[in-house]
Amino acid sequence: MEVHQIMGPGLLEAIYHECLEIELTSRNIPYKSQPKVKVFYKGNELKKYYIPDFLVYNDIIVEIKAEKQLTNIDEAQIINSLKNSKKKIGLLINFGENSLKFKRFVN
C-alpha cells in the first residue's frame, strides 16, 4: 500500500517492482526477487522453472501488475503457478488502478 500511495498509478511494472524491493527490505521482510521456482508435472521436477516477481518468506508467490484492471488471465496465471510449483499462497497486486487492488489465492 505504501508504494501505491507514494508512486500512484500509471507507471511501468518494473518501477513498482523496484519500489517494492525497497519497501520489503526496509521492513525486514525476507524475499527473493524473480527467483527460479521449481515446477512439477505428475510428480516430476521439470528442467524449466517459473519466475514470479517475488517469493516472500520463501513460501508466498507475489505477482505484480501495472494494468488498468486485473483480468481472468492474470488470475489464471497465479493459480496455475501455485498449483504447478506446489506453493500454497499467492498474492496478485495491481498498481495500475487508482486504488490499489490485490487478491490472495490459496492452493
Foldseek 3Di string as FASTA:
>chain_A
DVLCVVPPADDAPVVSLVVVVVVCVVVVWDKDAQDFFWFDDPRHTDPHTDTARMQTPVAEGEHEERDQDDDVVQVVVVVVNCVGRVGFKYKYWYSNYRDIDMDIGGD
